[in-house]
């Protein structure tokens, strides 16, 4: 393989990587938008809980939600430990937001 051919192949590979990275950037933007929407809903739930005199933390709800998300993660062939950690982080942030109300 000539140097020219290798350089052309390398350029094609790099262009493909750049295009894939642009797609990742778009997906990341969508993820952030969805997280923002989720946190808005969390605040709305927090306000309703406060009005009703309910506790911020409701362990049964979290356990049911986590079980469902882990089942879905398995279906999507996502690492369950990663998803559990991710959902725990989201839950911690949800508690923080609701506790501030």
C-alpha atoms as a PDB file:
ATOM      1  CA  UNK A   1       0.000   0.000   0.000  1.00  0.00           C
ATOM      2  CA  UNK A   2       1.440   3.345  -1.014  1.00  0.00           C
ATOM      3  CA  UNK A   3       1.862   6.267   1.324  1.00  0.00           C
ATOM      4  CA  UNK A   4      -0.776   8.143  -0.639  1.00  0.00           C
ATOM      5  CA  UNK A   5      -3.324   5.328  -0.212  1.00  0.00           C
ATOM      6  CA  UNK A   6      -2.599   5.088   3.505  1.00  0.00           C
ATOM      7  CA  UNK A   7      -3.021   8.850   3.855  1.00  0.00           C
ATOM      8  CA  UNK A   8      -6.351   8.758   1.967  1.00  0.00           C
ATOM      9  CA  UNK A   9      -7.574   5.854   4.115  1.00  0.00           C
ATOM     10  CA  UNK A  10      -6.490   7.709   7.245  1.00  0.00           C
ATOM     11  CA  UNK A  11      -8.355  10.824   6.123  1.00  0.00           C
ATOM     12  CA  UNK A  12     -11.493   8.784   5.443  1.00  0.00           C
ATOM     13  CA  UNK A  13     -11.269   7.139   8.860  1.00  0.00           C
ATOM     14  CA  UNK A  14     -10.756  10.515  10.560  1.00  0.00           C
ATOM     15  CA  UNK A  15     -13.727  12.010   8.700  1.00  0.00           C
ATOM     16  CA  UNK A  16     -15.861   9.053   9.800  1.00  0.00           C
ATOM     17  CA  UNK A  17     -14.730   9.521  13.423  1.00  0.00           C
ATOM     18  CA  UNK A  18     -15.515  13.250  13.248  1.00  0.00           C
ATOM     19  CA  UNK A  19     -19.004  12.541  11.885  1.00  0.00           C
ATOM     20  CA  UNK A  20     -19.652  10.014  14.636  1.00  0.00           C
ATOM     21  CA  UNK A  21     -18.459  12.515  17.242  1.00  0.00           C
ATOM     22  CA  UNK A  22     -20.905  15.080  15.869  1.00  0.00           C
ATOM     23  CA  UNK A  23     -23.687  12.538  16.320  1.00  0.00           C
ATOM     24  CA  UNK A  24     -22.538  11.915  19.895  1.00  0.00           C
ATOM     25  CA  UNK A  25     -22.616  15.669  20.513  1.00  0.00           C
ATOM     26  CA  UNK A  26     -26.221  15.771  19.282  1.00  0.00           C
ATOM     27  CA  UNK A  27     -27.224  12.842  21.487  1.00  0.00           C
ATOM     28  CA  UNK A  28     -25.506  14.494  24.478  1.00  0.00           C
ATOM     29  CA  UNK A  29     -27.470  17.667  23.824  1.00  0.00           C
ATOM     30  CA  UNK A  30     -30.696  15.641  23.762  1.00  0.00           C
ATOM     31  CA  UNK A  31     -29.718  13.899  27.011  1.00  0.00           C
ATOM     32  CA  UNK A  32     -29.152  17.241  28.710  1.00  0.00           C
ATOM     33  CA  UNK A  33     -32.491  18.550  27.454  1.00  0.00           C
ATOM     34  CA  UNK A  34     -34.238  15.441  28.774  1.00  0.00           C
ATOM     35  CA  UNK A  35     -32.484  15.770  32.141  1.00  0.00           C
ATOM     36  CA  UNK A  36     -33.617  19.380  32.335  1.00  0.00           C
ATOM     37  CA  UNK A  37     -37.200  18.322  31.626  1.00  0.00           C
ATOM     38  CA  UNK A  38     -36.931  15.561  34.229  1.00  0.00           C
ATOM     39  CA  UNK A  39     -35.689  17.975  36.870  1.00  0.00           C
ATOM     40  CA  UNK A  40     -38.564  20.342  36.084  1.00  0.00           C
ATOM     41  CA  UNK A  41     -40.964  17.470  36.768  1.00  0.00           C
ATOM     42  CA  UNK A  42     -39.053  16.596  39.942  1.00  0.00           C
ATOM     43  CA  UNK A  43     -39.598  20.161  41.177  1.00  0.00           C
ATOM     44  CA  UNK A  44     -43.306  19.944  40.378  1.00  0.00           C
ATOM     45  CA  UNK A  45     -43.557  16.690  42.329  1.00  0.00           C
ATOM     46  CA  UNK A  46     -41.617  18.294  45.180  1.00  0.00           C
ATOM     47  CA  UNK A  47     -44.093  21.166  45.326  1.00  0.00           C
ATOM     48  CA  UNK A  48     -47.006  18.725  45.399  1.00  0.00           C
ATOM     49  CA  UNK A  49     -45.325  16.693  48.149  1.00  0.00           C
ATOM     50  CA  UNK A  50     -44.722  19.827  50.195  1.00  0.00           C
ATOM     51  CA  UNK A  51     -48.349  20.926  49.824  1.00  0.00           C
ATOM     52  CA  UNK A  52     -49.560  17.473  50.844  1.00  0.00           C
ATOM     53  CA  UNK A  53     -47.087  17.184  53.708  1.00  0.00           C
ATOM     54  CA  UNK A  54     -45.381  14.146  52.169  1.00  0.00           C
ATOM     55  CA  UNK A  55     -41.760  13.177  52.710  1.00  0.00           C
ATOM     56  CA  UNK A  56     -39.279  14.067  49.991  1.00  0.00           C
ATOM     57  CA  UNK A  57     -37.778  10.577  50.001  1.00  0.00           C
ATOM     58  CA  UNK A  58     -40.126   7.736  49.174  1.00  0.00           C
ATOM     59  CA  UNK A  59     -37.970   4.591  49.136  1.00  0.00           C
ATOM     60  CA  UNK A  60     -40.624   2.259  47.701  1.00  0.00           C
ATOM     61  CA  UNK A  61     -41.093   4.490  44.674  1.00  0.00           C
ATOM     62  CA  UNK A  62     -37.349   4.672  44.092  1.00  0.00           C
ATOM     63  CA  UNK A  63     -36.886   0.901  44.384  1.00  0.00           C
ATOM     64  CA  UNK A  64     -39.722   0.248  41.915  1.00  0.00           C
ATOM     65  CA  UNK A  65     -38.372   2.845  39.497  1.00  0.00           C
ATOM     66  CA  UNK A  66     -34.830   1.477  39.762  1.00  0.00           C
ATOM     67  CA  UNK A  67     -35.989  -2.092  39.158  1.00  0.00           C
ATOM     68  CA  UNK A  68     -37.877  -0.970  36.044  1.00  0.00           C
ATOM     69  CA  UNK A  69     -34.920   1.032  34.724  1.00  0.00           C
ATOM     70  CA  UNK A  70     -32.529  -1.869  35.276  1.00  0.00           C
ATOM     71  CA  UNK A  71     -34.866  -4.222  33.402  1.00  0.00           C
ATOM     72  CA  UNK A  72     -35.000  -1.740  30.535  1.00  0.00           C
ATOM     73  CA  UNK A  73     -31.209  -1.333  30.622  1.00  0.00           C
ATOM     74  CA  UNK A  74     -30.840  -5.091  30.285  1.00  0.00           C
ATOM     75  CA  UNK A  75     -33.188  -5.105  27.272  1.00  0.00           C
ATOM     76  CA  UNK A  76     -31.097  -2.359  25.684  1.00  0.00           C
ATOM     77  CA  UNK A  77     -27.868  -4.229  26.481  1.00  0.00           C
ATOM     78  CA  UNK A  78     -26.626  -1.418  28.721  1.00  0.00           C
ATOM     79  CA  UNK A  79     -24.329  -2.095  31.639  1.00  0.00           C
ATOM     80  CA  UNK A  80     -26.631  -2.475  34.644  1.00  0.00           C
ATOM     81  CA  UNK A  81     -24.043  -1.201  37.130  1.00  0.00           C
ATOM     82  CA  UNK A  82     -23.581   1.937  35.054  1.00  0.00           C
ATOM     83  CA  UNK A  83     -27.347   2.513  34.870  1.00  0.00           C
ATOM     84  CA  UNK A  84     -27.778   1.876  38.590  1.00  0.00           C
ATOM     85  CA  UNK A  85     -25.060   4.433  39.366  1.00  0.00           C
ATOM     86  CA  UNK A  86     -26.580   6.884  36.885  1.00  0.00           C
ATOM     87  CA  UNK A  87     -30.064   6.514  38.382  1.00  0.00           C
ATOM     88  CA  UNK A  88     -28.675   6.906  41.895  1.00  0.00           C
ATOM     89  CA  UNK A  89     -27.039  10.193  40.862  1.00  0.00           C
ATOM     90  CA  UNK A  90     -30.308  11.396  39.362  1.00  0.00           C
ATOM     91  CA  UNK A  91     -32.146  10.368  42.531  1.00  0.00           C
ATOM     92  CA  UNK A  92     -29.666  12.231  44.734  1.00  0.00           C
ATOM     93  CA  UNK A  93     -30.121  15.367  42.633  1.00  0.00           C
ATOM     94  CA  UNK A  94     -33.911  14.954  42.779  1.00  0.00           C
ATOM     95  CA  UNK A  95     -33.775  14.753  46.570  1.00  0.00           C
ATOM     96  CA  UNK A  96     -31.544  17.837  46.691  1.00  0.00           C
ATOM     97  CA  UNK A  97     -33.906  19.830  44.477  1.00  0.00           C
ATOM     98  CA  UNK A  98     -37.023  18.802  46.374  1.00  0.00           C
ATOM     99  CA  UNK A  99     -35.373  19.477  49.742  1.00  0.00           C
ATOM    100  CA  UNK A 100     -34.659  23.063  48.691  1.00  0.00           C
ATOM    101  CA  UNK A 101     -38.357  23.836  48.126  1.00  0.00           C
END
